[in-house]
Amino acid sequence: MLVQGVEGDKSGLGYFGFSYYEDNADKLNLIAVDSGDGCVKPDKTSIQGNTYKPLSRPIFMYPSQASLTGKPQVKGFMDYTIENAEELATTAKIIPLTAEQQTAAQGELSKAEGQ
């Protein structure tokens, strides 16, 4: 495990998902990064707001319009994913969308469906 490989090494450095840090916060230190606007440490807000860059990134889904309109299971999956984004993110141990991001995702889905 990467955490075990770096936890006892004073100059050890590892890159992994934020949830690994959260699960091992007593053994690890965070590194702030500066993408030109000052140093930023990772936390829920900096990750959601894309200010912990370039070391954080969003996860995207790109269903085709043909699949959204022609395959009800795809539309149902996308609706379910957006409606349950926070619960799914918590289960997957990733940072959830903000309410504004979730609303924007729903809008993009509606636009992709041609509504």
PDB file of N, CA and C in Angstrom:
ATOM      1  N   MET A   1       0.849  -1.185   0.000  1.00  0.00           N
ATOM      2  CA  MET A   1       0.000   0.000   0.000  1.00  0.00           C
ATOM      3  C   MET A   1       0.889   1.241   0.000  1.00  0.00           C
ATOM      4  N   LEU A   2       0.520   2.207  -0.797  1.00  0.00           N
ATOM      5  CA  LEU A   2       1.297   3.435  -0.936  1.00  0.00           C
ATOM      6  C   LEU A   2       1.435   4.179   0.389  1.00  0.00           C
ATOM      7  N   VAL A   3       0.378   4.212   1.173  1.00  0.00           N
ATOM      8  CA  VAL A   3       0.426   4.908   2.461  1.00  0.00           C
ATOM      9  C   VAL A   3       1.541   4.336   3.320  1.00  0.00           C
ATOM     10  N   GLN A   4       1.653   3.029   3.392  1.00  0.00           N
ATOM     11  CA  GLN A   4       2.703   2.394   4.192  1.00  0.00           C
ATOM     12  C   GLN A   4       4.084   2.704   3.633  1.00  0.00           C
ATOM     13  N   GLY A   5       4.172   2.877   2.322  1.00  0.00           N
ATOM     14  CA  GLY A   5       5.454   3.169   1.699  1.00  0.00           C
ATOM     15  C   GLY A   5       5.978   4.557   2.004  1.00  0.00           C
ATOM     16  N   VAL A   6       5.090   5.514   2.262  1.00  0.00           N
ATOM     17  CA  VAL A   6       5.547   6.886   2.496  1.00  0.00           C
ATOM     18  C   VAL A   6       5.402   7.343   3.942  1.00  0.00           C
ATOM     19  N   GLU A   7       4.586   6.666   4.733  1.00  0.00           N
ATOM     20  CA  GLU A   7       4.306   7.174   6.077  1.00  0.00           C
ATOM     21  C   GLU A   7       5.525   7.249   6.977  1.00  0.00           C
ATOM     22  N   GLY A   8       6.456   6.356   6.841  1.00  0.00           N
ATOM     23  CA  GLY A   8       7.618   6.369   7.725  1.00  0.00           C
ATOM     24  C   GLY A   8       8.831   7.052   7.130  1.00  0.00           C
ATOM     25  N   ASP A   9       8.718   7.552   5.929  1.00  0.00           N
ATOM     26  CA  ASP A   9       9.837   8.188   5.236  1.00  0.00           C
ATOM     27  C   ASP A   9       9.664   9.694   5.277  1.00  0.00           C
ATOM     28  N   LYS A  10      10.574  10.383   5.975  1.00  0.00           N
ATOM     29  CA  LYS A  10      10.457  11.824   6.161  1.00  0.00           C
ATOM     30  C   LYS A  10      10.374  12.580   4.827  1.00  0.00           C
ATOM     31  N   SER A  11      11.029  12.072   3.804  1.00  0.00           N
ATOM     32  CA  SER A  11      10.982  12.744   2.506  1.00  0.00           C
ATOM     33  C   SER A  11      10.137  11.967   1.495  1.00  0.00           C
ATOM     34  N   GLY A  12       9.347  11.007   1.981  1.00  0.00           N
ATOM     35  CA  GLY A  12       8.496  10.214   1.101  1.00  0.00           C
ATOM     36  C   GLY A  12       7.361  11.051   0.521  1.00  0.00           C
ATOM     37  N   LEU A  13       6.988  10.743  -0.710  1.00  0.00           N
ATOM     38  CA  LEU A  13       5.943  11.483  -1.394  1.00  0.00           C
ATOM     39  C   LEU A  13       5.084  10.500  -2.171  1.00  0.00           C
ATOM     40  N   GLY A  14       3.786  10.607  -2.044  1.00  0.00           N
ATOM     41  CA  GLY A  14       2.881   9.729  -2.772  1.00  0.00           C
ATOM     42  C   GLY A  14       1.682  10.512  -3.279  1.00  0.00           C
ATOM     43  N   TYR A  15       1.162  10.090  -4.411  1.00  0.00           N
ATOM     44  CA  TYR A  15      -0.022  10.710  -5.006  1.00  0.00           C
ATOM     45  C   TYR A  15      -1.148   9.693  -5.017  1.00  0.00           C
ATOM     46  N   PHE A  16      -2.269  10.046  -4.407  1.00  0.00           N
ATOM     47  CA  PHE A  16      -3.424   9.153  -4.398  1.00  0.00           C
ATOM     48  C   PHE A  16      -4.664   9.958  -4.086  1.00  0.00           C
ATOM     49  N   GLY A  17      -5.799   9.317  -4.179  1.00  0.00           N
ATOM     50  CA  GLY A  17      -7.068   9.990  -3.942  1.00  0.00           C
ATOM     51  C   GLY A  17      -7.169  10.574  -2.543  1.00  0.00           C
ATOM     52  N   PHE A  18      -7.942  11.656  -2.440  1.00  0.00           N
ATOM     53  CA  PHE A  18      -8.103  12.354  -1.172  1.00  0.00           C
ATOM     54  C   PHE A  18      -8.653  11.444  -0.080  1.00  0.00           C
ATOM     55  N   SER A  19      -9.485  10.476  -0.457  1.00  0.00           N
ATOM     56  CA  SER A  19     -10.052   9.572   0.548  1.00  0.00           C
ATOM     57  C   SER A  19      -8.966   8.757   1.249  1.00  0.00           C
ATOM     58  N   TYR A  20      -7.882   8.453   0.547  1.00  0.00           N
ATOM     59  CA  TYR A  20      -6.772   7.745   1.195  1.00  0.00           C
ATOM     60  C   TYR A  20      -6.151   8.615   2.275  1.00  0.00           C
ATOM     61  N   TYR A  21      -6.025   9.915   1.995  1.00  0.00           N
ATOM     62  CA  TYR A  21      -5.528  10.822   3.018  1.00  0.00           C
ATOM     63  C   TYR A  21      -6.491  10.847   4.207  1.00  0.00           C
ATOM     64  N   GLU A  22      -7.791  11.019   3.919  1.00  0.00           N
ATOM     65  CA  GLU A  22      -8.772  11.090   5.002  1.00  0.00           C
ATOM     66  C   GLU A  22      -8.719   9.849   5.885  1.00  0.00           C
ATOM     67  N   ASP A  23      -8.535   8.686   5.262  1.00  0.00           N
ATOM     68  CA  ASP A  23      -8.472   7.437   6.022  1.00  0.00           C
ATOM     69  C   ASP A  23      -7.166   7.284   6.805  1.00  0.00           C
ATOM     70  N   ASN A  24      -6.156   8.077   6.446  1.00  0.00           N
ATOM     71  CA  ASN A  24      -4.838   7.934   7.060  1.00  0.00           C
ATOM     72  C   ASN A  24      -4.264   9.271   7.513  1.00  0.00           C
ATOM     73  N   ALA A  25      -5.125  10.205   7.870  1.00  0.00           N
ATOM     74  CA  ALA A  25      -4.696  11.562   8.218  1.00  0.00           C
ATOM     75  C   ALA A  25      -3.715  11.578   9.394  1.00  0.00           C
ATOM     76  N   ASP A  26      -3.795  10.586  10.261  1.00  0.00           N
ATOM     77  CA  ASP A  26      -2.888  10.538  11.410  1.00  0.00           C
ATOM     78  C   ASP A  26      -1.472  10.131  11.011  1.00  0.00           C
ATOM     79  N   LYS A  27      -1.292   9.619   9.791  1.00  0.00           N
ATOM     80  CA  LYS A  27       0.019   9.136   9.342  1.00  0.00           C
ATOM     81  C   LYS A  27       0.638   9.989   8.246  1.00  0.00           C
ATOM     82  N   LEU A  28      -0.161  10.883   7.648  1.00  0.00           N
ATOM     83  CA  LEU A  28       0.279  11.598   6.454  1.00  0.00           C
ATOM     84  C   LEU A  28       0.161  13.111   6.624  1.00  0.00           C
ATOM     85  N   ASN A  29       0.876  13.827   5.789  1.00  0.00           N
ATOM     86  CA  ASN A  29       0.764  15.283   5.696  1.00  0.00           C
ATOM     87  C   ASN A  29       0.291  15.636   4.295  1.00  0.00           C
ATOM     88  N   LEU A  30      -0.412  16.735   4.180  1.00  0.00           N
ATOM     89  CA  LEU A  30      -0.870  17.212   2.883  1.00  0.00           C
ATOM     90  C   LEU A  30       0.156  18.166   2.291  1.00  0.00           C
ATOM     91  N   ILE A  31       0.178  18.245   0.983  1.00  0.00           N
ATOM     92  CA  ILE A  31       1.049  19.182   0.296  1.00  0.00           C
ATOM     93  C   ILE A  31       0.184  20.221  -0.399  1.00  0.00           C
ATOM     94  N   ALA A  32       0.500  21.471  -0.151  1.00  0.00           N
ATOM     95  CA  ALA A  32      -0.174  22.554  -0.860  1.00  0.00           C
ATOM     96  C   ALA A  32       0.493  22.722  -2.225  1.00  0.00           C
ATOM     97  N   VAL A  33      -0.294  23.062  -3.224  1.00  0.00           N
ATOM     98  CA  VAL A  33       0.246  23.318  -4.560  1.00  0.00           C
ATOM     99  C   VAL A  33      -0.074  24.751  -4.952  1.00  0.00           C
ATOM    100  N   ASP A  34       0.768  25.302  -5.798  1.00  0.00           N
ATOM    101  CA  ASP A  34       0.586  26.670  -6.264  1.00  0.00           C
ATOM    102  C   ASP A  34       0.498  26.656  -7.777  1.00  0.00           C
ATOM    103  N   SER A  35      -0.697  26.888  -8.291  1.00  0.00           N
ATOM    104  CA  SER A  35      -0.882  26.925  -9.742  1.00  0.00           C
ATOM    105  C   SER A  35      -0.832  28.364 -10.256  1.00  0.00           C
ATOM    106  N   GLY A  36      -0.282  29.239  -9.436  1.00  0.00           N
ATOM    107  CA  GLY A  36      -0.137  30.632  -9.832  1.00  0.00           C
ATOM    108  C   GLY A  36      -0.939  31.604  -9.005  1.00  0.00           C
ATOM    109  N   ASP A  37      -1.830  31.092  -8.163  1.00  0.00           N
ATOM    110  CA  ASP A  37      -2.677  31.957  -7.338  1.00  0.00           C
ATOM    111  C   ASP A  37      -2.404  31.791  -5.852  1.00  0.00           C
ATOM    112  N   GLY A  38      -1.251  31.257  -5.487  1.00  0.00           N
ATOM    113  CA  GLY A  38      -0.916  31.006  -4.093  1.00  0.00           C
ATOM    114  C   GLY A  38      -1.127  29.549  -3.742  1.00  0.00           C
ATOM    115  N   CYS A  39      -0.502  29.137  -2.656  1.00  0.00           N
ATOM    116  CA  CYS A  39      -0.556  27.733  -2.238  1.00  0.00           C
ATOM    117  C   CYS A  39      -1.945  27.354  -1.723  1.00  0.00           C
ATOM    118  N   VAL A  40      -2.397  26.180  -2.144  1.00  0.00           N
ATOM    119  CA  VAL A  40      -3.711  25.666  -1.751  1.00  0.00           C
ATOM    120  C   VAL A  40      -3.538  24.215  -1.320  1.00  0.00           C
ATOM    121  N   LYS A  41      -4.063  23.886  -0.135  1.00  0.00           N
ATOM    122  CA  LYS A  41      -4.076  22.496   0.317  1.00  0.00           C
ATOM    123  C   LYS A  41      -5.389  21.848  -0.108  1.00  0.00           C
ATOM    124  N   PRO A  42      -5.358  20.527  -0.297  1.00  0.00           N
ATOM    125  CA  PRO A  42      -6.600  19.866  -0.693  1.00  0.00           C
ATOM    126  C   PRO A  42      -7.577  19.747   0.481  1.00  0.00           C
ATOM    127  N   ASP A  43      -8.820  20.038   0.209  1.00  0.00           N
ATOM    128  CA  ASP A  43      -9.931  19.780   1.111  1.00  0.00           C
ATOM    129  C   ASP A  43     -11.182  19.751   0.239  1.00  0.00           C
ATOM    130  N   LYS A  44     -12.306  19.495   0.841  1.00  0.00           N
ATOM    131  CA  LYS A  44     -13.540  19.358   0.068  1.00  0.00           C
ATOM    132  C   LYS A  44     -13.801  20.597  -0.792  1.00  0.00           C
ATOM    133  N   THR A  45     -13.626  21.769  -0.209  1.00  0.00           N
ATOM    134  CA  THR A  45     -13.921  23.014  -0.917  1.00  0.00           C
ATOM    135  C   THR A  45     -12.941  23.267  -2.059  1.00  0.00           C
ATOM    136  N   SER A  46     -11.646  23.069  -1.815  1.00  0.00           N
ATOM    137  CA  SER A  46     -10.663  23.338  -2.875  1.00  0.00           C
ATOM    138  C   SER A  46     -10.768  22.318  -4.009  1.00  0.00           C
ATOM    139  N   ILE A  47     -11.171  21.115  -3.686  1.00  0.00           N
ATOM    140  CA  ILE A  47     -11.342  20.096  -4.727  1.00  0.00           C
ATOM    141  C   ILE A  47     -12.612  20.386  -5.527  1.00  0.00           C
ATOM    142  N   GLN A  48     -13.718  20.656  -4.835  1.00  0.00           N
ATOM    143  CA  GLN A  48     -14.969  20.978  -5.537  1.00  0.00           C
ATOM    144  C   GLN A  48     -14.826  22.226  -6.395  1.00  0.00           C
ATOM    145  N   GLY A  49     -14.095  23.210  -5.913  1.00  0.00           N
ATOM    146  CA  GLY A  49     -13.957  24.475  -6.616  1.00  0.00           C
ATOM    147  C   GLY A  49     -12.826  24.506  -7.628  1.00  0.00           C
ATOM    148  N   ASN A  50     -12.154  23.370  -7.796  1.00  0.00           N
ATOM    149  CA  ASN A  50     -11.055  23.245  -8.754  1.00  0.00           C
ATOM    150  C   ASN A  50      -9.930  24.246  -8.485  1.00  0.00           C
ATOM    151  N   THR A  51      -9.691  24.552  -7.203  1.00  0.00           N
ATOM    152  CA  THR A  51      -8.564  25.417  -6.873  1.00  0.00           C
ATOM    153  C   THR A  51      -7.347  24.615  -6.426  1.00  0.00           C
ATOM    154  N   TYR A  52      -7.529  23.322  -6.166  1.00  0.00           N
ATOM    155  CA  TYR A  52      -6.384  22.452  -5.871  1.00  0.00           C
ATOM    156  C   TYR A  52      -5.960  21.807  -7.189  1.00  0.00           C
ATOM    157  N   LYS A  53      -5.367  22.644  -8.031  1.00  0.00           N
ATOM    158  CA  LYS A  53      -4.981  22.161  -9.347  1.00  0.00           C
ATOM    159  C   LYS A  53      -3.483  22.319  -9.509  1.00  0.00           C
ATOM    160  N   PRO A  54      -2.886  21.476 -10.226  1.00  0.00           N
ATOM    161  CA  PRO A  54      -3.435  20.512 -11.175  1.00  0.00           C
ATOM    162  C   PRO A  54      -3.644  19.115 -10.594  1.00  0.00           C
ATOM    163  N   LEU A  55      -3.648  18.981  -9.281  1.00  0.00           N
ATOM    164  CA  LEU A  55      -3.698  17.638  -8.691  1.00  0.00           C
ATOM    165  C   LEU A  55      -5.094  17.122  -8.383  1.00  0.00           C
ATOM    166  N   SER A  56      -6.132  17.875  -8.683  1.00  0.00           N
ATOM    167  CA  SER A  56      -7.486  17.338  -8.569  1.00  0.00           C
ATOM    168  C   SER A  56      -8.157  17.473  -9.925  1.00  0.00           C
ATOM    169  N   ARG A  57      -9.149  16.637 -10.147  1.00  0.00           N
ATOM    170  CA  ARG A  57      -9.829  16.674 -11.433  1.00  0.00           C
ATOM    171  C   ARG A  57     -11.249  16.177 -11.275  1.00  0.00           C
ATOM    172  N   PRO A  58     -12.151  16.708 -12.099  1.00  0.00           N
ATOM    173  CA  PRO A  58     -13.529  16.218 -12.063  1.00  0.00           C
ATOM    174  C   PRO A  58     -13.650  14.888 -12.809  1.00  0.00           C
ATOM    175  N   ILE A  59     -14.731  14.211 -12.550  1.00  0.00           N
ATOM    176  CA  ILE A  59     -15.046  12.976 -13.265  1.00  0.00           C
ATOM    177  C   ILE A  59     -16.235  13.288 -14.171  1.00  0.00           C
ATOM    178  N   PHE A  60     -16.119  12.928 -15.436  1.00  0.00           N
ATOM    179  CA  PHE A  60     -17.163  13.233 -16.403  1.00  0.00           C
ATOM    180  C   PHE A  60     -17.800  11.952 -16.938  1.00  0.00           C
ATOM    181  N   MET A  61     -19.047  12.075 -17.352  1.00  0.00           N
ATOM    182  CA  MET A  61     -19.750  11.022 -18.090  1.00  0.00           C
ATOM    183  C   MET A  61     -20.246  11.656 -19.374  1.00  0.00           C
ATOM    184  N   TYR A  62     -20.068  10.963 -20.491  1.00  0.00           N
ATOM    185  CA  TYR A  62     -20.442  11.512 -21.791  1.00  0.00           C
ATOM    186  C   TYR A  62     -21.378  10.569 -22.545  1.00  0.00           C
ATOM    187  N   PRO A  63     -22.632  10.483 -22.133  1.00  0.00           N
ATOM    188  CA  PRO A  63     -23.566   9.661 -22.916  1.00  0.00           C
ATOM    189  C   PRO A  63     -23.924  10.385 -24.215  1.00  0.00           C
ATOM    190  N   SER A  64     -24.101   9.649 -25.265  1.00  0.00           N
ATOM    191  CA  SER A  64     -24.497  10.272 -26.529  1.00  0.00           C
ATOM    192  C   SER A  64     -25.978  10.650 -26.477  1.00  0.00           C
ATOM    193  N   GLN A  65     -26.348  11.619 -27.286  1.00  0.00           N
ATOM    194  CA  GLN A  65     -27.755  12.012 -27.362  1.00  0.00           C
ATOM    195  C   GLN A  65     -28.591  10.843 -27.859  1.00  0.00           C
ATOM    196  N   ALA A  66     -28.036  10.072 -28.801  1.00  0.00           N
ATOM    197  CA  ALA A  66     -28.764   8.918 -29.325  1.00  0.00           C
ATOM    198  C   ALA A  66     -29.049   7.902 -28.220  1.00  0.00           C
ATOM    199  N   SER A  67     -28.084   7.697 -27.328  1.00  0.00           N
ATOM    200  CA  SER A  67     -28.299   6.756 -26.224  1.00  0.00           C
ATOM    201  C   SER A  67     -29.308   7.305 -25.223  1.00  0.00           C
ATOM    202  N   LEU A  68     -29.212   8.619 -24.949  1.00  0.00           N
ATOM    203  CA  LEU A  68     -30.139   9.225 -23.997  1.00  0.00           C
ATOM    204  C   LEU A  68     -31.576   9.164 -24.481  1.00  0.00           C
ATOM    205  N   THR A  69     -31.770   9.366 -25.764  1.00  0.00           N
ATOM    206  CA  THR A  69     -33.136   9.391 -26.295  1.00  0.00           C
ATOM    207  C   THR A  69     -33.598   8.024 -26.780  1.00  0.00           C
ATOM    208  N   GLY A  70     -32.666   7.140 -27.115  1.00  0.00           N
ATOM    209  CA  GLY A  70     -33.056   5.849 -27.689  1.00  0.00           C
ATOM    210  C   GLY A  70     -32.962   4.664 -26.751  1.00  0.00           C
ATOM    211  N   LYS A  71     -32.326   4.849 -25.625  1.00  0.00           N
ATOM    212  CA  LYS A  71     -32.158   3.746 -24.672  1.00  0.00           C
ATOM    213  C   LYS A  71     -32.609   4.221 -23.297  1.00  0.00           C
ATOM    214  N   PRO A  72     -33.798   3.837 -22.885  1.00  0.00           N
ATOM    215  CA  PRO A  72     -34.322   4.315 -21.601  1.00  0.00           C
ATOM    216  C   PRO A  72     -33.424   3.962 -20.414  1.00  0.00           C
ATOM    217  N   GLN A  73     -32.702   2.859 -20.514  1.00  0.00           N
ATOM    218  CA  GLN A  73     -31.827   2.470 -19.405  1.00  0.00           C
ATOM    219  C   GLN A  73     -30.671   3.461 -19.241  1.00  0.00           C
ATOM    220  N   VAL A  74     -30.185   4.042 -20.341  1.00  0.00           N
ATOM    221  CA  VAL A  74     -29.119   5.038 -20.256  1.00  0.00           C
ATOM    222  C   VAL A  74     -29.660   6.309 -19.613  1.00  0.00           C
ATOM    223  N   LYS A  75     -30.810   6.761 -20.082  1.00  0.00           N
ATOM    224  CA  LYS A  75     -31.453   7.946 -19.494  1.00  0.00           C
ATOM    225  C   LYS A  75     -31.725   7.715 -18.017  1.00  0.00           C
ATOM    226  N   GLY A  76     -32.242   6.547 -17.659  1.00  0.00           N
ATOM    227  CA  GLY A  76     -32.512   6.225 -16.265  1.00  0.00           C
ATOM    228  C   GLY A  76     -31.253   6.215 -15.424  1.00  0.00           C
ATOM    229  N   PHE A  77     -30.181   5.662 -15.973  1.00  0.00           N
ATOM    230  CA  PHE A  77     -28.898   5.626 -15.255  1.00  0.00           C
ATOM    231  C   PHE A  77     -28.379   7.035 -15.013  1.00  0.00           C
ATOM    232  N   MET A  78     -28.437   7.887 -16.025  1.00  0.00           N
ATOM    233  CA  MET A  78     -27.950   9.256 -15.866  1.00  0.00           C
ATOM    234  C   MET A  78     -28.803  10.043 -14.874  1.00  0.00           C
ATOM    235  N   ASP A  79     -30.128   9.897 -14.967  1.00  0.00           N
ATOM    236  CA  ASP A  79     -31.013  10.561 -13.999  1.00  0.00           C
ATOM    237  C   ASP A  79     -30.696  10.098 -12.582  1.00  0.00           C
ATOM    238  N   TYR A  80     -30.558   8.789 -12.409  1.00  0.00           N
ATOM    239  CA  TYR A  80     -30.253   8.230 -11.088  1.00  0.00           C
ATOM    240  C   TYR A  80     -28.918   8.775 -10.571  1.00  0.00           C
ATOM    241  N   THR A  81     -27.926   8.815 -11.435  1.00  0.00           N
ATOM    242  CA  THR A  81     -26.595   9.269 -11.040  1.00  0.00           C
ATOM    243  C   THR A  81     -26.627  10.716 -10.562  1.00  0.00           C
ATOM    244  N   ILE A  82     -27.314  11.564 -11.284  1.00  0.00           N
ATOM    245  CA  ILE A  82     -27.375  12.979 -10.901  1.00  0.00           C
ATOM    246  C   ILE A  82     -28.232  13.170  -9.655  1.00  0.00           C
ATOM    247  N   GLU A  83     -29.374  12.514  -9.601  1.00  0.00           N
ATOM    248  CA  GLU A  83     -30.271  12.661  -8.448  1.00  0.00           C
ATOM    249  C   GLU A  83     -29.647  12.140  -7.157  1.00  0.00           C
ATOM    250  N   ASN A  84     -28.776  11.159  -7.269  1.00  0.00           N
ATOM    251  CA  ASN A  84     -28.168  10.529  -6.091  1.00  0.00           C
ATOM    252  C   ASN A  84     -26.668  10.789  -6.015  1.00  0.00           C
ATOM    253  N   ALA A  85     -26.230  11.895  -6.600  1.00  0.00           N
ATOM    254  CA  ALA A  85     -24.800  12.185  -6.716  1.00  0.00           C
ATOM    255  C   ALA A  85     -24.087  12.200  -5.373  1.00  0.00           C
ATOM    256  N   GLU A  86     -24.677  12.807  -4.374  1.00  0.00           N
ATOM    257  CA  GLU A  86     -23.991  12.902  -3.078  1.00  0.00           C
ATOM    258  C   GLU A  86     -23.834  11.531  -2.427  1.00  0.00           C
ATOM    259  N   GLU A  87     -24.894  10.748  -2.428  1.00  0.00           N
ATOM    260  CA  GLU A  87     -24.825   9.402  -1.840  1.00  0.00           C
ATOM    261  C   GLU A  87     -23.827   8.528  -2.596  1.00  0.00           C
ATOM    262  N   LEU A  88     -23.847   8.600  -3.921  1.00  0.00           N
ATOM    263  CA  LEU A  88     -22.917   7.808  -4.727  1.00  0.00           C
ATOM    264  C   LEU A  88     -21.476   8.235  -4.477  1.00  0.00           C
ATOM    265  N   ALA A  89     -21.244   9.536  -4.374  1.00  0.00           N
ATOM    266  CA  ALA A  89     -19.892  10.036  -4.107  1.00  0.00           C
ATOM    267  C   ALA A  89     -19.400   9.568  -2.741  1.00  0.00           C
ATOM    268  N   THR A  90     -20.271   9.621  -1.760  1.00  0.00           N
ATOM    269  CA  THR A  90     -19.901   9.170  -0.417  1.00  0.00           C
ATOM    270  C   THR A  90     -19.540   7.690  -0.428  1.00  0.00           C
ATOM    271  N   THR A  91     -20.345   6.889  -1.101  1.00  0.00           N
ATOM    272  CA  THR A  91     -20.080   5.452  -1.195  1.00  0.00           C
ATOM    273  C   THR A  91     -18.769   5.180  -1.922  1.00  0.00           C
ATOM    274  N   ALA A  92     -18.502   5.946  -2.979  1.00  0.00           N
ATOM    275  CA  ALA A  92     -17.290   5.762  -3.775  1.00  0.00           C
ATOM    276  C   ALA A  92     -16.075   6.443  -3.151  1.00  0.00           C
ATOM    277  N   LYS A  93     -16.288   7.172  -2.062  1.00  0.00           N
ATOM    278  CA  LYS A  93     -15.234   7.905  -1.374  1.00  0.00           C
ATOM    279  C   LYS A  93     -14.571   8.939  -2.279  1.00  0.00           C
ATOM    280  N   ILE A  94     -15.415   9.699  -2.993  1.00  0.00           N
ATOM    281  CA  ILE A  94     -14.929  10.819  -3.779  1.00  0.00           C
ATOM    282  C   ILE A  94     -15.647  12.075  -3.319  1.00  0.00           C
ATOM    283  N   ILE A  95     -15.125  13.219  -3.676  1.00  0.00           N
ATOM    284  CA  ILE A  95     -15.732  14.485  -3.280  1.00  0.00           C
ATOM    285  C   ILE A  95     -17.007  14.695  -4.102  1.00  0.00           C
ATOM    286  N   PRO A  96     -18.134  14.966  -3.455  1.00  0.00           N
ATOM    287  CA  PRO A  96     -19.399  15.123  -4.187  1.00  0.00           C
ATOM    288  C   PRO A  96     -19.482  16.462  -4.909  1.00  0.00           C
ATOM    289  N   LEU A  97     -20.419  16.542  -5.829  1.00  0.00           N
ATOM    290  CA  LEU A  97     -20.734  17.802  -6.490  1.00  0.00           C
ATOM    291  C   LEU A  97     -21.318  18.775  -5.478  1.00  0.00           C
ATOM    292  N   THR A  98     -21.128  20.054  -5.709  1.00  0.00           N
ATOM    293  CA  THR A  98     -21.856  21.053  -4.928  1.00  0.00           C
ATOM    294  C   THR A  98     -23.295  21.072  -5.448  1.00  0.00           C
ATOM    295  N   ALA A  99     -24.184  21.721  -4.737  1.00  0.00           N
ATOM    296  CA  ALA A  99     -25.574  21.840  -5.200  1.00  0.00           C
ATOM    297  C   ALA A  99     -25.626  22.548  -6.552  1.00  0.00           C
ATOM    298  N   GLU A 100     -24.792  23.561  -6.715  1.00  0.00           N
ATOM    299  CA  GLU A 100     -24.758  24.295  -7.988  1.00  0.00           C
ATOM    300  C   GLU A 100     -24.244  23.395  -9.120  1.00  0.00           C
ATOM    301  N   GLN A 101     -23.226  22.602  -8.841  1.00  0.00           N
ATOM    302  CA  GLN A 101     -22.690  21.690  -9.857  1.00  0.00           C
ATOM    303  C   GLN A 101     -23.717  20.625 -10.226  1.00  0.00           C
ATOM    304  N   GLN A 102     -24.456  20.155  -9.230  1.00  0.00           N
ATOM    305  CA  GLN A 102     -25.490  19.152  -9.490  1.00  0.00           C
ATOM    306  C   GLN A 102     -26.602  19.746 -10.360  1.00  0.00           C
ATOM    307  N   THR A 103     -26.998  20.982 -10.084  1.00  0.00           N
ATOM    308  CA  THR A 103     -28.008  21.658 -10.900  1.00  0.00           C
ATOM    309  C   THR A 103     -27.497  21.851 -12.330  1.00  0.00           C
ATOM    310  N   ALA A 104     -26.245  22.249 -12.453  1.00  0.00           N
ATOM    311  CA  ALA A 104     -25.656  22.429 -13.783  1.00  0.00           C
ATOM    312  C   ALA A 104     -25.607  21.102 -14.534  1.00  0.00           C
ATOM    313  N   ALA A 105     -25.273  20.020 -13.840  1.00  0.00           N
ATOM    314  CA  ALA A 105     -25.226  18.699 -14.477  1.00  0.00           C
ATOM    315  C   ALA A 105     -26.607  18.296 -14.971  1.00  0.00           C
ATOM    316  N   GLN A 106     -27.624  18.570 -14.171  1.00  0.00           N
ATOM    317  CA  GLN A 106     -28.992  18.259 -14.597  1.00  0.00           C
ATOM    318  C   GLN A 106     -29.363  19.076 -15.825  1.00  0.00           C
ATOM    319  N   GLY A 107     -28.972  20.345 -15.846  1.00  0.00           N
ATOM    320  CA  GLY A 107     -29.227  21.191 -16.998  1.00  0.00           C
ATOM    321  C   GLY A 107     -28.523  20.694 -18.248  1.00  0.00           C
ATOM    322  N   GLU A 108     -27.278  20.259 -18.087  1.00  0.00           N
ATOM    323  CA  GLU A 108     -26.531  19.713 -19.231  1.00  0.00           C
ATOM    324  C   GLU A 108     -27.165  18.430 -19.740  1.00  0.00           C
ATOM    325  N   LEU A 109     -27.659  17.616 -18.824  1.00  0.00           N
ATOM    326  CA  LEU A 109     -28.336  16.381 -19.232  1.00  0.00           C
ATOM    327  C   LEU A 109     -29.599  16.708 -20.014  1.00  0.00           C
ATOM    328  N   SER A 110     -30.388  17.654 -19.512  1.00  0.00           N
ATOM    329  CA  SER A 110     -31.617  18.050 -20.223  1.00  0.00           C
ATOM    330  C   SER A 110     -31.269  18.612 -21.606  1.00  0.00           C
ATOM    331  N   LYS A 111     -30.223  19.409 -21.670  1.00  0.00           N
ATOM    332  CA  LYS A 111     -29.804  19.983 -22.952  1.00  0.00           C
ATOM    333  C   LYS A 111     -29.354  18.883 -23.909  1.00  0.00           C
ATOM    334  N   ALA A 112     -28.622  17.898 -23.404  1.00  0.00           N
ATOM    335  CA  ALA A 112     -28.154  16.787 -24.238  1.00  0.00           C
ATOM    336  C   ALA A 112     -29.316  15.955 -24.771  1.00  0.00           C
ATOM    337  N   GLU A 113     -30.392  15.891 -24.000  1.00  0.00           N
ATOM    338  CA  GLU A 113     -31.580  15.152 -24.425  1.00  0.00           C
ATOM    339  C   GLU A 113     -32.392  15.928 -25.448  1.00  0.00           C
ATOM    340  N   GLY A 114     -32.050  17.183 -25.631  1.00  0.00           N
ATOM    341  CA  GLY A 114     -32.795  18.017 -26.569  1.00  0.00           C
ATOM    342  C   GLY A 114     -34.035  18.621 -25.965  1.00  0.00           C
ATOM    343  N   GLN A 115     -34.105  18.706 -24.639  1.00  0.00           N
ATOM    344  CA  GLN A 115     -35.297  19.268 -23.981  1.00  0.00           C
ATOM    345  C   GLN A 115     -35.136  20.744 -23.748  1.00  0.00           C
TER     346      GLN A 115
END
